[in-house]
Structures are given as structure tokens and as C-alpha cells.
Amino acid sequence: SSVHETIAIPAESFDQCQANNLKEIVT
């Protein structure tokens, strides 16, 4: 989320399609 912090989310919260979109969301 920044140089100051990160966010952890369990893998089971996402299906494969949603997981593939995480980088786009972060960007």
C-alpha cells in the first residue's frame, strides 16, 4: 500500500479471476 505499510489478505478470499486483478487494483 506504500513504502510505509503493506496489507495482508488471505488467499481464500479470492477466486483465481479476482486474484489476477489484484495488481491492477494496487496500481
mmCIF file of all heavy atoms, coordinates in Angstrom:
data_MODEL
# 
_entry.id   MODEL 
# 
loop_
_atom_site.group_PDB 
_atom_site.id 
_atom_site.type_symbol 
_atom_site.label_atom_id 
_atom_site.label_alt_id 
_atom_site.label_comp_id 
_atom_site.label_asym_id 
_atom_site.label_entity_id 
_atom_site.label_seq_id 
_atom_site.pdbx_PDB_ins_code 
_atom_site.Cartn_x 
_atom_site.Cartn_y 
_atom_site.Cartn_z 
_atom_site.occupancy 
_atom_site.B_iso_or_equiv 
_atom_site.pdbx_formal_charge 
_atom_site.auth_seq_id 
_atom_site.auth_comp_id 
_atom_site.auth_asym_id 
_atom_site.auth_atom_id 
_atom_site.pdbx_PDB_model_num 
ATOM 1   N N   . SER A 1 1  ? 0.809   -1.216  0.000   1.00 0.00 ? 1  SER A N   1 
ATOM 2   C CA  . SER A 1 1  ? 0.000   0.000   0.000   1.00 0.00 ? 1  SER A CA  1 
ATOM 3   C C   . SER A 1 1  ? 0.844   1.269   0.000   1.00 0.00 ? 1  SER A C   1 
ATOM 4   O O   . SER A 1 1  ? 0.365   2.337   -0.374  1.00 0.00 ? 1  SER A O   1 
ATOM 5   C CB  . SER A 1 1  ? -0.957  0.004   1.196   1.00 0.00 ? 1  SER A CB  1 
ATOM 6   O OG  . SER A 1 1  ? -0.278  -0.281  2.402   1.00 0.00 ? 1  SER A OG  1 
ATOM 7   N N   . SER A 1 2  ? 2.097   1.193   0.418   1.00 0.00 ? 2  SER A N   1 
ATOM 8   C CA  . SER A 1 2  ? 3.039   2.324   0.327   1.00 0.00 ? 2  SER A CA  1 
ATOM 9   C C   . SER A 1 2  ? 4.391   1.849   0.843   1.00 0.00 ? 2  SER A C   1 
ATOM 10  O O   . SER A 1 2  ? 4.531   0.710   1.297   1.00 0.00 ? 2  SER A O   1 
ATOM 11  C CB  . SER A 1 2  ? 2.554   3.524   1.157   1.00 0.00 ? 2  SER A CB  1 
ATOM 12  O OG  . SER A 1 2  ? 2.794   3.323   2.533   1.00 0.00 ? 2  SER A OG  1 
ATOM 13  N N   . VAL A 1 3  ? 5.379   2.725   0.827   1.00 0.00 ? 3  VAL A N   1 
ATOM 14  C CA  . VAL A 1 3  ? 6.680   2.370   1.419   1.00 0.00 ? 3  VAL A CA  1 
ATOM 15  C C   . VAL A 1 3  ? 6.564   2.232   2.932   1.00 0.00 ? 3  VAL A C   1 
ATOM 16  O O   . VAL A 1 3  ? 7.453   1.683   3.585   1.00 0.00 ? 3  VAL A O   1 
ATOM 17  C CB  . VAL A 1 3  ? 7.763   3.424   1.085   1.00 0.00 ? 3  VAL A CB  1 
ATOM 18  C CG1 . VAL A 1 3  ? 8.088   3.427   -0.397  1.00 0.00 ? 3  VAL A CG1 1 
ATOM 19  C CG2 . VAL A 1 3  ? 7.356   4.810   1.559   1.00 0.00 ? 3  VAL A CG2 1 
ATOM 20  N N   . HIS A 1 4  ? 5.453   2.719   3.494   1.00 0.00 ? 4  HIS A N   1 
ATOM 21  C CA  . HIS A 1 4  ? 5.301   2.720   4.944   1.00 0.00 ? 4  HIS A CA  1 
ATOM 22  C C   . HIS A 1 4  ? 4.528   1.523   5.487   1.00 0.00 ? 4  HIS A C   1 
ATOM 23  O O   . HIS A 1 4  ? 4.629   1.231   6.682   1.00 0.00 ? 4  HIS A O   1 
ATOM 24  C CB  . HIS A 1 4  ? 4.606   4.010   5.392   1.00 0.00 ? 4  HIS A CB  1 
ATOM 25  C CG  . HIS A 1 4  ? 5.313   5.251   4.967   1.00 0.00 ? 4  HIS A CG  1 
ATOM 26  N ND1 . HIS A 1 4  ? 6.594   5.553   5.374   1.00 0.00 ? 4  HIS A ND1 1 
ATOM 27  C CD2 . HIS A 1 4  ? 4.933   6.259   4.134   1.00 0.00 ? 4  HIS A CD2 1 
ATOM 28  C CE1 . HIS A 1 4  ? 6.972   6.703   4.829   1.00 0.00 ? 4  HIS A CE1 1 
ATOM 29  N NE2 . HIS A 1 4  ? 5.981   7.139   4.070   1.00 0.00 ? 4  HIS A NE2 1 
ATOM 30  N N   . GLU A 1 5  ? 3.754   0.840   4.642   1.00 0.00 ? 5  GLU A N   1 
ATOM 31  C CA  . GLU A 1 5  ? 2.942   -0.258  5.148   1.00 0.00 ? 5  GLU A CA  1 
ATOM 32  C C   . GLU A 1 5  ? 2.524   -1.181  4.014   1.00 0.00 ? 5  GLU A C   1 
ATOM 33  O O   . GLU A 1 5  ? 2.588   -0.810  2.833   1.00 0.00 ? 5  GLU A O   1 
ATOM 34  C CB  . GLU A 1 5  ? 1.690   0.284   5.853   1.00 0.00 ? 5  GLU A CB  1 
ATOM 35  C CG  . GLU A 1 5  ? 0.800   1.085   4.916   1.00 0.00 ? 5  GLU A CG  1 
ATOM 36  C CD  . GLU A 1 5  ? -0.339  1.789   5.637   1.00 0.00 ? 5  GLU A CD  1 
ATOM 37  O OE1 . GLU A 1 5  ? -0.208  2.025   6.853   1.00 0.00 ? 5  GLU A OE1 1 
ATOM 38  O OE2 . GLU A 1 5  ? -1.339  2.108   4.978   1.00 0.00 ? 5  GLU A OE2 1 
ATOM 39  N N   . THR A 1 6  ? 2.109   -2.384  4.382   1.00 0.00 ? 6  THR A N   1 
ATOM 40  C CA  . THR A 1 6  ? 1.549   -3.332  3.425   1.00 0.00 ? 6  THR A CA  1 
ATOM 41  C C   . THR A 1 6  ? 0.261   -3.900  4.015   1.00 0.00 ? 6  THR A C   1 
ATOM 42  O O   . THR A 1 6  ? -0.004  -3.774  5.215   1.00 0.00 ? 6  THR A O   1 
ATOM 43  C CB  . THR A 1 6  ? 2.517   -4.484  3.113   1.00 0.00 ? 6  THR A CB  1 
ATOM 44  O OG1 . THR A 1 6  ? 2.832   -5.164  4.341   1.00 0.00 ? 6  THR A OG1 1 
ATOM 45  C CG2 . THR A 1 6  ? 3.794   -3.967  2.463   1.00 0.00 ? 6  THR A CG2 1 
ATOM 46  N N   . ILE A 1 7  ? -0.530  -4.543  3.152   1.00 0.00 ? 7  ILE A N   1 
ATOM 47  C CA  . ILE A 1 7  ? -1.799  -5.137  3.580   1.00 0.00 ? 7  ILE A CA  1 
ATOM 48  C C   . ILE A 1 7  ? -1.776  -6.621  3.245   1.00 0.00 ? 7  ILE A C   1 
ATOM 49  O O   . ILE A 1 7  ? -1.407  -7.016  2.133   1.00 0.00 ? 7  ILE A O   1 
ATOM 50  C CB  . ILE A 1 7  ? -2.994  -4.460  2.879   1.00 0.00 ? 7  ILE A CB  1 
ATOM 51  C CG1 . ILE A 1 7  ? -3.092  -2.990  3.317   1.00 0.00 ? 7  ILE A CG1 1 
ATOM 52  C CG2 . ILE A 1 7  ? -4.296  -5.187  3.188   1.00 0.00 ? 7  ILE A CG2 1 
ATOM 53  C CD1 . ILE A 1 7  ? -4.150  -2.205  2.587   1.00 0.00 ? 7  ILE A CD1 1 
ATOM 54  N N   . ALA A 1 8  ? -2.159  -7.429  4.219   1.00 0.00 ? 8  ALA A N   1 
ATOM 55  C CA  . ALA A 1 8  ? -2.218  -8.884  4.039   1.00 0.00 ? 8  ALA A CA  1 
ATOM 56  C C   . ALA A 1 8  ? -3.678  -9.326  3.953   1.00 0.00 ? 8  ALA A C   1 
ATOM 57  O O   . ALA A 1 8  ? -4.508  -8.898  4.763   1.00 0.00 ? 8  ALA A O   1 
ATOM 58  C CB  . ALA A 1 8  ? -1.521  -9.598  5.189   1.00 0.00 ? 8  ALA A CB  1 
ATOM 59  N N   . ILE A 1 9  ? -3.979  -10.180 2.966   1.00 0.00 ? 9  ILE A N   1 
ATOM 60  C CA  . ILE A 1 9  ? -5.327  -10.710 2.762   1.00 0.00 ? 9  ILE A CA  1 
ATOM 61  C C   . ILE A 1 9  ? -5.213  -12.210 2.505   1.00 0.00 ? 9  ILE A C   1 
ATOM 62  O O   . ILE A 1 9  ? -4.377  -12.642 1.714   1.00 0.00 ? 9  ILE A O   1 
ATOM 63  C CB  . ILE A 1 9  ? -6.018  -10.042 1.555   1.00 0.00 ? 9  ILE A CB  1 
ATOM 64  C CG1 . ILE A 1 9  ? -5.979  -8.520  1.678   1.00 0.00 ? 9  ILE A CG1 1 
ATOM 65  C CG2 . ILE A 1 9  ? -7.458  -10.513 1.417   1.00 0.00 ? 9  ILE A CG2 1 
ATOM 66  C CD1 . ILE A 1 9  ? -6.577  -7.791  0.486   1.00 0.00 ? 9  ILE A CD1 1 
ATOM 67  N N   . PRO A 1 10 ? -6.038  -13.036 3.153   1.00 0.00 ? 10 PRO A N   1 
ATOM 68  C CA  . PRO A 1 10 ? -5.945  -14.486 2.933   1.00 0.00 ? 10 PRO A CA  1 
ATOM 69  C C   . PRO A 1 10 ? -6.256  -14.859 1.491   1.00 0.00 ? 10 PRO A C   1 
ATOM 70  O O   . PRO A 1 10 ? -7.150  -14.268 0.864   1.00 0.00 ? 10 PRO A O   1 
ATOM 71  C CB  . PRO A 1 10 ? -6.978  -15.067 3.898   1.00 0.00 ? 10 PRO A CB  1 
ATOM 72  C CG  . PRO A 1 10 ? -7.927  -13.947 4.158   1.00 0.00 ? 10 PRO A CG  1 
ATOM 73  C CD  . PRO A 1 10 ? -7.107  -12.691 4.106   1.00 0.00 ? 10 PRO A CD  1 
ATOM 74  N N   . ALA A 1 11 ? -5.529  -15.833 0.991   1.00 0.00 ? 11 ALA A N   1 
ATOM 75  C CA  . ALA A 1 11 ? -5.705  -16.239 -0.410  1.00 0.00 ? 11 ALA A CA  1 
ATOM 76  C C   . ALA A 1 11 ? -7.113  -16.759 -0.668  1.00 0.00 ? 11 ALA A C   1 
ATOM 77  O O   . ALA A 1 11 ? -7.655  -16.601 -1.766  1.00 0.00 ? 11 ALA A O   1 
ATOM 78  C CB  . ALA A 1 11 ? -4.668  -17.298 -0.772  1.00 0.00 ? 11 ALA A CB  1 
ATOM 79  N N   . GLU A 1 12 ? -7.722  -17.345 0.338   1.00 0.00 ? 12 GLU A N   1 
ATOM 80  C CA  . GLU A 1 12 ? -9.045  -17.929 0.147   1.00 0.00 ? 12 GLU A CA  1 
ATOM 81  C C   . GLU A 1 12 ? -10.131 -16.876 -0.052  1.00 0.00 ? 12 GLU A C   1 
ATOM 82  O O   . GLU A 1 12 ? -11.269 -17.206 -0.380  1.00 0.00 ? 12 GLU A O   1 
ATOM 83  C CB  . GLU A 1 12 ? -9.393  -18.799 1.349   1.00 0.00 ? 12 GLU A CB  1 
ATOM 84  C CG  . GLU A 1 12 ? -9.453  -18.039 2.659   1.00 0.00 ? 12 GLU A CG  1 
ATOM 85  C CD  . GLU A 1 12 ? -9.624  -18.965 3.869   1.00 0.00 ? 12 GLU A CD  1 
ATOM 86  O OE1 . GLU A 1 12 ? -9.337  -20.169 3.724   1.00 0.00 ? 12 GLU A OE1 1 
ATOM 87  O OE2 . GLU A 1 12 ? -10.021 -18.466 4.925   1.00 0.00 ? 12 GLU A OE2 1 
ATOM 88  N N   . SER A 1 13 ? -9.778  -15.590 0.138   1.00 0.00 ? 13 SER A N   1 
ATOM 89  C CA  . SER A 1 13 ? -10.764 -14.522 -0.073  1.00 0.00 ? 13 SER A CA  1 
ATOM 90  C C   . SER A 1 13 ? -11.035 -14.267 -1.546  1.00 0.00 ? 13 SER A C   1 
ATOM 91  O O   . SER A 1 13 ? -11.964 -13.540 -1.894  1.00 0.00 ? 13 SER A O   1 
ATOM 92  C CB  . SER A 1 13 ? -10.279 -13.224 0.586   1.00 0.00 ? 13 SER A CB  1 
ATOM 93  O OG  . SER A 1 13 ? -10.171 -13.363 1.981   1.00 0.00 ? 13 SER A OG  1 
ATOM 94  N N   . PHE A 1 14 ? -10.200 -14.841 -2.426  1.00 0.00 ? 14 PHE A N   1 
ATOM 95  C CA  . PHE A 1 14 ? -10.310 -14.540 -3.848  1.00 0.00 ? 14 PHE A CA  1 
ATOM 96  C C   . PHE A 1 14 ? -10.375 -15.824 -4.668  1.00 0.00 ? 14 PHE A C   1 
ATOM 97  O O   . PHE A 1 14 ? -9.688  -16.795 -4.367  1.00 0.00 ? 14 PHE A O   1 
ATOM 98  C CB  . PHE A 1 14 ? -9.100  -13.728 -4.332  1.00 0.00 ? 14 PHE A CB  1 
ATOM 99  C CG  . PHE A 1 14 ? -8.878  -12.454 -3.576  1.00 0.00 ? 14 PHE A CG  1 
ATOM 100 C CD1 . PHE A 1 14 ? -8.023  -12.421 -2.490  1.00 0.00 ? 14 PHE A CD1 1 
ATOM 101 C CD2 . PHE A 1 14 ? -9.539  -11.290 -3.943  1.00 0.00 ? 14 PHE A CD2 1 
ATOM 102 C CE1 . PHE A 1 14 ? -7.816  -11.248 -1.786  1.00 0.00 ? 14 PHE A CE1 1 
ATOM 103 C CE2 . PHE A 1 14 ? -9.337  -10.114 -3.246  1.00 0.00 ? 14 PHE A CE2 1 
ATOM 104 C CZ  . PHE A 1 14 ? -8.483  -10.086 -2.165  1.00 0.00 ? 14 PHE A CZ  1 
ATOM 105 N N   . ASP A 1 15 ? -11.178 -15.772 -5.715  1.00 0.00 ? 15 ASP A N   1 
ATOM 106 C CA  . ASP A 1 15 ? -11.060 -16.831 -6.712  1.00 0.00 ? 15 ASP A CA  1 
ATOM 107 C C   . ASP A 1 15 ? -9.942  -16.417 -7.666  1.00 0.00 ? 15 ASP A C   1 
ATOM 108 O O   . ASP A 1 15 ? -9.388  -15.322 -7.571  1.00 0.00 ? 15 ASP A O   1 
ATOM 109 C CB  . ASP A 1 15 ? -12.387 -17.068 -7.454  1.00 0.00 ? 15 ASP A CB  1 
ATOM 110 C CG  . ASP A 1 15 ? -12.899 -15.819 -8.160  1.00 0.00 ? 15 ASP A CG  1 
ATOM 111 O OD1 . ASP A 1 15 ? -12.071 -15.000 -8.616  1.00 0.00 ? 15 ASP A OD1 1 
ATOM 112 O OD2 . ASP A 1 15 ? -14.130 -15.648 -8.264  1.00 0.00 ? 15 ASP A OD2 1 
ATOM 113 N N   . GLN A 1 16 ? -9.579  -17.277 -8.602  1.00 0.00 ? 16 GLN A N   1 
ATOM 114 C CA  . GLN A 1 16 ? -8.427  -17.027 -9.461  1.00 0.00 ? 16 GLN A CA  1 
ATOM 115 C C   . GLN A 1 16 ? -8.599  -15.763 -10.295 1.00 0.00 ? 16 GLN A C   1 
ATOM 116 O O   . GLN A 1 16 ? -7.660  -14.994 -10.500 1.00 0.00 ? 16 GLN A O   1 
ATOM 117 C CB  . GLN A 1 16 ? -8.176  -18.223 -10.388 1.00 0.00 ? 16 GLN A CB  1 
ATOM 118 C CG  . GLN A 1 16 ? -6.856  -18.153 -11.135 1.00 0.00 ? 16 GLN A CG  1 
ATOM 119 C CD  . GLN A 1 16 ? -5.654  -18.035 -10.203 1.00 0.00 ? 16 GLN A CD  1 
ATOM 120 O OE1 . GLN A 1 16 ? -5.514  -18.798 -9.261  1.00 0.00 ? 16 GLN A OE1 1 
ATOM 121 N NE2 . GLN A 1 16 ? -4.793  -17.050 -10.457 1.00 0.00 ? 16 GLN A NE2 1 
ATOM 122 N N   . CYS A 1 17 ? -9.825  -15.531 -10.764 1.00 0.00 ? 17 CYS A N   1 
ATOM 123 C CA  . CYS A 1 17 ? -10.078 -14.344 -11.592 1.00 0.00 ? 17 CYS A CA  1 
ATOM 124 C C   . CYS A 1 17 ? -9.849  -13.070 -10.785 1.00 0.00 ? 17 CYS A C   1 
ATOM 125 O O   . CYS A 1 17 ? -9.205  -12.133 -11.258 1.00 0.00 ? 17 CYS A O   1 
ATOM 126 C CB  . CYS A 1 17 ? -11.503 -14.387 -12.133 1.00 0.00 ? 17 CYS A CB  1 
ATOM 127 S SG  . CYS A 1 17 ? -11.919 -12.987 -13.186 1.00 0.00 ? 17 CYS A SG  1 
ATOM 128 N N   . GLN A 1 18 ? -10.353 -13.055 -9.553  1.00 0.00 ? 18 GLN A N   1 
ATOM 129 C CA  . GLN A 1 18 ? -10.167 -11.887 -8.696  1.00 0.00 ? 18 GLN A CA  1 
ATOM 130 C C   . GLN A 1 18 ? -8.691  -11.692 -8.345  1.00 0.00 ? 18 GLN A C   1 
ATOM 131 O O   . GLN A 1 18 ? -8.193  -10.565 -8.320  1.00 0.00 ? 18 GLN A O   1 
ATOM 132 C CB  . GLN A 1 18 ? -10.992 -12.046 -7.419  1.00 0.00 ? 18 GLN A CB  1 
ATOM 133 C CG  . GLN A 1 18 ? -12.489 -11.977 -7.627  1.00 0.00 ? 18 GLN A CG  1 
ATOM 134 C CD  . GLN A 1 18 ? -13.240 -12.327 -6.361  1.00 0.00 ? 18 GLN A CD  1 
ATOM 135 O OE1 . GLN A 1 18 ? -12.870 -13.246 -5.625  1.00 0.00 ? 18 GLN A OE1 1 
ATOM 136 N NE2 . GLN A 1 18 ? -14.316 -11.602 -6.089  1.00 0.00 ? 18 GLN A NE2 1 
ATOM 137 N N   . ALA A 1 19 ? -7.999  -12.785 -8.079  1.00 0.00 ? 19 ALA A N   1 
ATOM 138 C CA  . ALA A 1 19 ? -6.579  -12.700 -7.736  1.00 0.00 ? 19 ALA A CA  1 
ATOM 139 C C   . ALA A 1 19 ? -5.770  -12.098 -8.873  1.00 0.00 ? 19 ALA A C   1 
ATOM 140 O O   . ALA A 1 19 ? -4.833  -11.322 -8.645  1.00 0.00 ? 19 ALA A O   1 
ATOM 141 C CB  . ALA A 1 19 ? -6.042  -14.085 -7.383  1.00 0.00 ? 19 ALA A CB  1 
ATOM 142 N N   . ASN A 1 20 ? -6.143  -12.430 -10.099 1.00 0.00 ? 20 ASN A N   1 
ATOM 143 C CA  . ASN A 1 20 ? -5.422  -11.898 -11.245 1.00 0.00 ? 20 ASN A CA  1 
ATOM 144 C C   . ASN A 1 20 ? -5.604  -10.389 -11.397 1.00 0.00 ? 20 ASN A C   1 
ATOM 145 O O   . ASN A 1 20 ? -4.803  -9.729  -12.063 1.00 0.00 ? 20 ASN A O   1 
ATOM 146 C CB  . ASN A 1 20 ? -5.890  -12.595 -12.525 1.00 0.00 ? 20 ASN A CB  1 
ATOM 147 C CG  . ASN A 1 20 ? -5.457  -14.048 -12.580 1.00 0.00 ? 20 ASN A CG  1 
ATOM 148 O OD1 . ASN A 1 20 ? -4.503  -14.450 -11.913 1.00 0.00 ? 20 ASN A OD1 1 
ATOM 149 N ND2 . ASN A 1 20 ? -6.160  -14.853 -13.367 1.00 0.00 ? 20 ASN A ND2 1 
ATOM 150 N N   . ASN A 1 21 ? -6.652  -9.851  -10.784 1.00 0.00 ? 21 ASN A N   1 
ATOM 151 C CA  . ASN A 1 21 ? -6.928  -8.421  -10.891 1.00 0.00 ? 21 ASN A CA  1 
ATOM 152 C C   . ASN A 1 21 ? -6.294  -7.602  -9.769  1.00 0.00 ? 21 ASN A C   1 
ATOM 153 O O   . ASN A 1 21 ? -6.388  -6.372  -9.777  1.00 0.00 ? 21 ASN A O   1 
ATOM 154 C CB  . ASN A 1 21 ? -8.443  -8.172  -10.892 1.00 0.00 ? 21 ASN A CB  1 
ATOM 155 C CG  . ASN A 1 21 ? -9.118  -8.679  -12.154 1.00 0.00 ? 21 ASN A CG  1 
ATOM 156 O OD1 . ASN A 1 21 ? -8.495  -8.735  -13.215 1.00 0.00 ? 21 ASN A OD1 1 
ATOM 157 N ND2 . ASN A 1 21 ? -10.380 -9.067  -12.040 1.00 0.00 ? 21 ASN A ND2 1 
ATOM 158 N N   . LEU A 1 22 ? -5.666  -8.269  -8.809  1.00 0.00 ? 22 LEU A N   1 
ATOM 159 C CA  . LEU A 1 22 ? -5.124  -7.545  -7.665  1.00 0.00 ? 22 LEU A CA  1 
ATOM 160 C C   . LEU A 1 22 ? -4.053  -6.534  -8.062  1.00 0.00 ? 22 LEU A C   1 
ATOM 161 O O   . LEU A 1 22 ? -3.994  -5.428  -7.532  1.00 0.00 ? 22 LEU A O   1 
ATOM 162 C CB  . LEU A 1 22 ? -4.553  -8.538  -6.646  1.00 0.00 ? 22 LEU A CB  1 
ATOM 163 C CG  . LEU A 1 22 ? -5.571  -9.298  -5.805  1.00 0.00 ? 22 LEU A CG  1 
ATOM 164 C CD1 . LEU A 1 22 ? -4.872  -10.303 -4.903  1.00 0.00 ? 22 LEU A CD1 1 
ATOM 165 C CD2 . LEU A 1 22 ? -6.429  -8.345  -4.990  1.00 0.00 ? 22 LEU A CD2 1 
ATOM 166 N N   . LYS A 1 23 ? -3.192  -6.912  -8.998  1.00 0.00 ? 23 LYS A N   1 
ATOM 167 C CA  . LYS A 1 23 ? -2.138  -5.991  -9.419  1.00 0.00 ? 23 LYS A CA  1 
ATOM 168 C C   . LYS A 1 23 ? -2.728  -4.731  -10.046 1.00 0.00 ? 23 LYS A C   1 
ATOM 169 O O   . LYS A 1 23 ? -2.240  -3.616  -9.801  1.00 0.00 ? 23 LYS A O   1 
ATOM 170 C CB  . LYS A 1 23 ? -1.193  -6.677  -10.410 1.00 0.00 ? 23 LYS A CB  1 
ATOM 171 C CG  . LYS A 1 23 ? -0.027  -5.789  -10.836 1.00 0.00 ? 23 LYS A CG  1 
ATOM 172 C CD  . LYS A 1 23 ? 0.983   -6.545  -11.682 1.00 0.00 ? 23 LYS A CD  1 
ATOM 173 C CE  . LYS A 1 23 ? 2.148   -5.641  -12.051 1.00 0.00 ? 23 LYS A CE  1 
ATOM 174 N NZ  . LYS A 1 23 ? 3.187   -6.352  -12.831 1.00 0.00 ? 23 LYS A NZ  1 
ATOM 175 N N   . GLU A 1 24 ? -3.781  -4.891  -10.821 1.00 0.00 ? 24 GLU A N   1 
ATOM 176 C CA  . GLU A 1 24 ? -4.445  -3.734  -11.432 1.00 0.00 ? 24 GLU A CA  1 
ATOM 177 C C   . GLU A 1 24 ? -5.040  -2.830  -10.354 1.00 0.00 ? 24 GLU A C   1 
ATOM 178 O O   . GLU A 1 24 ? -4.955  -1.596  -10.446 1.00 0.00 ? 24 GLU A O   1 
ATOM 179 C CB  . GLU A 1 24 ? -5.542  -4.211  -12.379 1.00 0.00 ? 24 GLU A CB  1 
ATOM 180 C CG  . GLU A 1 24 ? -6.271  -3.074  -13.090 1.00 0.00 ? 24 GLU A CG  1 
ATOM 181 C CD  . GLU A 1 24 ? -7.363  -3.592  -14.027 1.00 0.00 ? 24 GLU A CD  1 
ATOM 182 O OE1 . GLU A 1 24 ? -7.403  -4.810  -14.277 1.00 0.00 ? 24 GLU A OE1 1 
ATOM 183 O OE2 . GLU A 1 24 ? -8.161  -2.760  -14.495 1.00 0.00 ? 24 GLU A OE2 1 
ATOM 184 N N   . ILE A 1 25 ? -5.602  -3.444  -9.317  1.00 0.00 ? 25 ILE A N   1 
ATOM 185 C CA  . ILE A 1 25 ? -6.179  -2.665  -8.221  1.00 0.00 ? 25 ILE A CA  1 
ATOM 186 C C   . ILE A 1 25 ? -5.094  -1.880  -7.488  1.00 0.00 ? 25 ILE A C   1 
ATOM 187 O O   . ILE A 1 25 ? -5.242  -0.684  -7.203  1.00 0.00 ? 25 ILE A O   1 
ATOM 188 C CB  . ILE A 1 25 ? -6.917  -3.599  -7.237  1.00 0.00 ? 25 ILE A CB  1 
ATOM 189 C CG1 . ILE A 1 25 ? -8.142  -4.209  -7.925  1.00 0.00 ? 25 ILE A CG1 1 
ATOM 190 C CG2 . ILE A 1 25 ? -7.323  -2.849  -5.973  1.00 0.00 ? 25 ILE A CG2 1 
ATOM 191 C CD1 . ILE A 1 25 ? -8.807  -5.307  -7.120  1.00 0.00 ? 25 ILE A CD1 1 
ATOM 192 N N   . VAL A 1 26 ? -3.978  -2.564  -7.183  1.00 0.00 ? 26 VAL A N   1 
ATOM 193 C CA  . VAL A 1 26 ? -2.870  -1.898  -6.489  1.00 0.00 ? 26 VAL A CA  1 
ATOM 194 C C   . VAL A 1 26 ? -2.329  -0.739  -7.323  1.00 0.00 ? 26 VAL A C   1 
ATOM 195 O O   . VAL A 1 26 ? -2.062  0.356   -6.812  1.00 0.00 ? 26 VAL A O   1 
ATOM 196 C CB  . VAL A 1 26 ? -1.748  -2.911  -6.174  1.00 0.00 ? 26 VAL A CB  1 
ATOM 197 C CG1 . VAL A 1 26 ? -0.485  -2.188  -5.687  1.00 0.00 ? 26 VAL A CG1 1 
ATOM 198 C CG2 . VAL A 1 26 ? -2.220  -3.911  -5.130  1.00 0.00 ? 26 VAL A CG2 1 
ATOM 199 N N   . THR A 1 27 ? -2.183  -0.949  -8.612  1.00 0.00 ? 27 THR A N   1 
ATOM 200 C CA  . THR A 1 27 ? -1.661  0.089   -9.499  1.00 0.00 ? 27 THR A CA  1 
ATOM 201 C C   . THR A 1 27 ? -2.561  1.311   -9.502  1.00 0.00 ? 27 THR A C   1 
ATOM 202 O O   . THR A 1 27 ? -2.091  2.457   -9.416  1.00 0.00 ? 27 THR A O   1 
ATOM 203 C CB  . THR A 1 27 ? -1.516  -0.458  -10.933 1.00 0.00 ? 27 THR A CB  1 
ATOM 204 O OG1 . THR A 1 27 ? -0.629  -1.578  -10.925 1.00 0.00 ? 27 THR A OG1 1 
ATOM 205 C CG2 . THR A 1 27 ? -0.967  0.609   -11.865 1.00 0.00 ? 27 THR A CG2 1 
# 
